[in-house]
Amino acid sequence: MKTVVLGRPSPEFEAVLARRRSLGQDLFDENWEGEYHVAPASHPWHGYVDNVLAELLGPLARAAGLVGTGPFNLGRADDYRVPDRGYHRGLPTEVWVPTAAIVVEVLAPDDETWEKFGFYARQGVDEICVADPVVAQLSWFARDSTTYRPVEASALLGVTVIQLVSQIDWPR
């Protein structure tokens, strides 16, 4: 379900957003060129698959000289996305991180992962890993000049999708 609030948000809606911030419920909220996207926490399967990927990708990333983080603000204050995980060429020091070497997205019902690809390309993200816990599928994408193409392996991490999938105990 998608809800769009047109025009300036009402004081009541601003109060809802303020309450979400005060309770820490806005971790995955995003700002798409001025459109505020409210994203709730997902199913526990989402967190489980994210954790498994962190365990698998972390050592590979460190060996490649990359630094892993959990969710982070990719972009700038008025236009950002929040991937589930990122791998960077150094530890980010800013709140609004301009780019990442790799972003990881774990699909959730009604999420907007696939719509983020153009933004990620504009931000210079080299690779995208997309995990789907419902169908037990992992997909990897590498950036061409302005778009992404599916690939069988991460050039940055030196691992194939098949190798990774074989190590994931997918939820059932």
Protein backbone atom coordinates (compact mmCIF):
# COMPACT_ATOMS: atom_id res chain seq x y z
CA MET A 1 0.00 0.00 0.00
CA LYS A 2 1.29 3.44 -0.87
CA THR A 3 0.01 6.66 0.66
CA VAL A 4 0.96 10.01 -0.81
CA VAL A 5 0.43 13.25 1.07
CA LEU A 6 0.25 16.15 -1.37
CA GLY A 7 1.14 19.71 -0.46
CA ARG A 8 2.60 20.85 2.81
CA PRO A 9 2.12 18.20 5.52
CA SER A 10 -0.54 19.07 8.08
CA PRO A 11 0.45 19.66 11.71
CA GLU A 12 -1.11 16.29 12.55
CA PHE A 13 1.03 14.50 10.00
CA GLU A 14 4.14 16.38 11.16
CA ALA A 15 3.30 15.19 14.70
CA VAL A 16 3.16 11.56 13.46
CA LEU A 17 6.61 11.95 11.86
CA ALA A 18 7.99 13.61 15.01
CA ARG A 19 6.65 10.74 17.12
CA ARG A 20 8.23 8.19 14.76
CA ARG A 21 11.56 10.01 15.15
CA SER A 22 11.29 10.16 18.94
CA LEU A 23 10.57 6.42 19.13
CA GLY A 24 13.33 5.51 16.67
CA GLN A 25 10.80 4.11 14.19
CA ASP A 26 12.14 6.19 11.29
CA LEU A 27 15.39 4.27 10.75
CA PHE A 28 14.39 3.11 7.26
CA ASP A 29 12.43 6.23 6.22
CA GLU A 30 13.76 7.89 3.07
CA ASN A 31 13.53 11.22 1.27
CA TRP A 32 13.18 10.88 -2.51
CA GLU A 33 13.77 14.36 -3.95
CA GLY A 34 11.48 15.89 -1.35
CA GLU A 35 9.01 12.97 -1.13
CA TYR A 36 9.13 11.43 2.33
CA HIS A 37 8.82 7.63 2.23
CA VAL A 38 7.77 6.01 5.52
CA ALA A 39 9.18 2.50 5.76
CA PRO A 40 8.34 0.35 8.78
CA ALA A 41 10.62 -2.32 10.16
CA SER A 42 10.13 -5.52 8.25
CA HIS A 43 9.52 -9.19 9.00
CA PRO A 44 12.12 -10.91 11.21
CA TRP A 45 13.20 -12.92 8.14
CA HIS A 46 14.49 -9.65 6.73
CA GLY A 47 16.79 -9.08 9.70
CA TYR A 48 17.87 -12.70 9.74
CA VAL A 49 18.93 -12.69 6.06
CA ASP A 50 20.63 -9.31 6.53
CA ASN A 51 22.59 -10.73 9.48
CA VAL A 52 23.61 -13.85 7.57
CA LEU A 53 24.80 -11.71 4.65
CA ALA A 54 26.80 -9.51 7.04
CA GLU A 55 28.53 -12.62 8.42
CA LEU A 56 29.31 -13.93 4.93
CA LEU A 57 30.27 -10.66 3.23
CA GLY A 58 32.15 -9.06 6.14
CA PRO A 59 35.40 -11.07 5.87
CA LEU A 60 35.38 -10.78 2.07
CA ALA A 61 34.87 -7.02 2.29
CA ARG A 62 37.67 -6.58 4.82
CA ALA A 63 40.02 -8.64 2.62
CA ALA A 64 39.12 -6.32 -0.28
CA GLY A 65 39.83 -3.23 1.85
CA LEU A 66 36.16 -2.32 2.29
CA VAL A 67 34.38 -1.31 5.50
CA GLY A 68 30.90 -2.65 6.23
CA THR A 69 28.04 -0.77 7.87
CA GLY A 70 24.41 -1.46 8.67
CA PRO A 71 21.68 0.88 7.42
CA PHE A 72 22.98 4.32 6.43
CA ASN A 73 21.80 7.47 4.65
CA LEU A 74 23.05 7.29 1.05
CA GLY A 75 22.79 10.68 -0.64
CA ARG A 76 22.14 14.10 0.90
CA ALA A 77 19.70 15.49 3.46
CA ASP A 78 17.02 16.32 0.90
CA ASP A 79 17.44 13.18 -1.24
CA TYR A 80 18.59 9.91 0.31
CA ARG A 81 17.90 6.20 0.44
CA VAL A 82 18.61 3.80 3.31
CA PRO A 83 20.04 0.48 2.13
CA ASP A 84 20.05 -2.38 4.61
CA ARG A 85 23.83 -2.65 4.48
CA GLY A 86 26.75 -0.99 2.77
CA TYR A 87 30.39 -1.62 2.01
CA HIS A 88 32.57 1.47 1.69
CA ARG A 89 36.11 2.30 0.61
CA GLY A 90 36.67 3.82 4.06
CA LEU A 91 34.61 4.31 7.20
CA PRO A 92 32.09 7.08 6.45
CA THR A 93 32.36 10.06 8.77
CA GLU A 94 29.30 11.99 7.64
CA VAL A 95 25.57 11.46 8.23
CA TRP A 96 24.79 11.76 4.51
CA VAL A 97 27.12 9.34 2.74
CA PRO A 98 27.57 10.29 -0.93
CA THR A 99 28.26 6.78 -2.28
CA ALA A 100 29.20 3.20 -1.44
CA ALA A 101 31.10 0.47 -3.21
CA ILE A 102 28.30 -2.05 -2.55
CA VAL A 103 24.79 -1.74 -1.17
CA VAL A 104 22.76 -4.67 0.11
CA GLU A 105 18.98 -4.67 -0.05
CA VAL A 106 16.87 -7.39 1.54
CA LEU A 107 13.44 -7.41 -0.05
CA ALA A 108 10.38 -6.88 2.10
CA PRO A 109 6.72 -6.83 1.11
CA ASP A 110 5.84 -3.59 -0.67
CA ASP A 111 9.39 -2.24 -0.48
CA GLU A 112 10.90 -0.02 -3.17
CA THR A 113 14.25 -1.72 -3.74
CA TRP A 114 13.90 -1.99 -7.52
CA GLU A 115 12.96 1.69 -7.83
CA LYS A 116 16.22 2.69 -6.10
CA PHE A 117 18.55 1.40 -8.83
CA GLY A 118 18.57 4.66 -10.84
CA PHE A 119 19.38 6.65 -7.70
CA TYR A 120 22.17 4.25 -6.77
CA ALA A 121 23.66 4.59 -10.26
CA ARG A 122 23.57 8.39 -10.02
CA GLN A 123 25.34 8.16 -6.65
CA GLY A 124 28.09 5.98 -8.17
CA VAL A 125 27.37 2.75 -6.28
CA ASP A 126 29.38 0.02 -8.02
CA GLU A 127 27.46 -3.11 -7.04
CA ILE A 128 24.06 -4.01 -5.58
CA CYS A 129 23.21 -7.24 -3.79
CA VAL A 130 19.49 -8.05 -3.53
CA ALA A 131 18.29 -10.87 -1.31
CA ASP A 132 14.73 -12.20 -1.37
CA PRO A 133 13.97 -14.25 1.77
CA VAL A 134 10.55 -15.34 0.47
CA VAL A 135 11.86 -17.16 -2.61
CA ALA A 136 15.39 -17.84 -1.24
CA GLN A 137 17.10 -15.94 -4.03
CA LEU A 138 20.20 -13.77 -4.17
CA SER A 139 20.91 -11.47 -7.12
CA TRP A 140 23.99 -9.37 -7.79
CA PHE A 141 24.21 -6.35 -10.08
CA ALA A 142 27.17 -4.36 -11.42
CA ARG A 143 26.95 -0.76 -12.65
CA ASP A 144 27.52 0.12 -16.25
CA SER A 145 27.65 3.83 -17.05
CA THR A 146 24.06 4.63 -16.02
CA THR A 147 22.37 1.36 -15.13
CA TYR A 148 22.96 -2.07 -13.60
CA ARG A 149 23.27 -5.46 -15.22
CA PRO A 150 22.88 -8.82 -13.47
CA VAL A 151 26.19 -10.60 -12.85
CA GLU A 152 27.15 -14.01 -11.50
CA ALA A 153 29.86 -12.70 -9.16
CA SER A 154 31.01 -9.65 -7.25
CA ALA A 155 34.12 -8.21 -8.90
CA LEU A 156 34.85 -6.27 -5.71
CA LEU A 157 34.55 -9.22 -3.30
CA GLY A 158 35.70 -12.05 -5.57
CA VAL A 159 32.78 -14.31 -4.72
CA THR A 160 30.08 -15.86 -6.88
CA VAL A 161 26.37 -15.72 -6.18
CA ILE A 162 26.31 -19.53 -6.20
CA GLN A 163 29.00 -19.65 -3.48
CA LEU A 164 27.01 -17.25 -1.30
CA VAL A 165 23.63 -18.91 -1.84
CA SER A 166 25.09 -22.29 -0.86
CA GLN A 167 26.03 -20.83 2.55
CA ILE A 168 22.65 -19.26 3.37
CA ASP A 169 20.21 -21.23 5.48
CA TRP A 170 17.11 -19.51 4.09
CA PRO A 171 14.09 -19.10 6.35
CA ARG A 172 11.15 -21.38 5.59
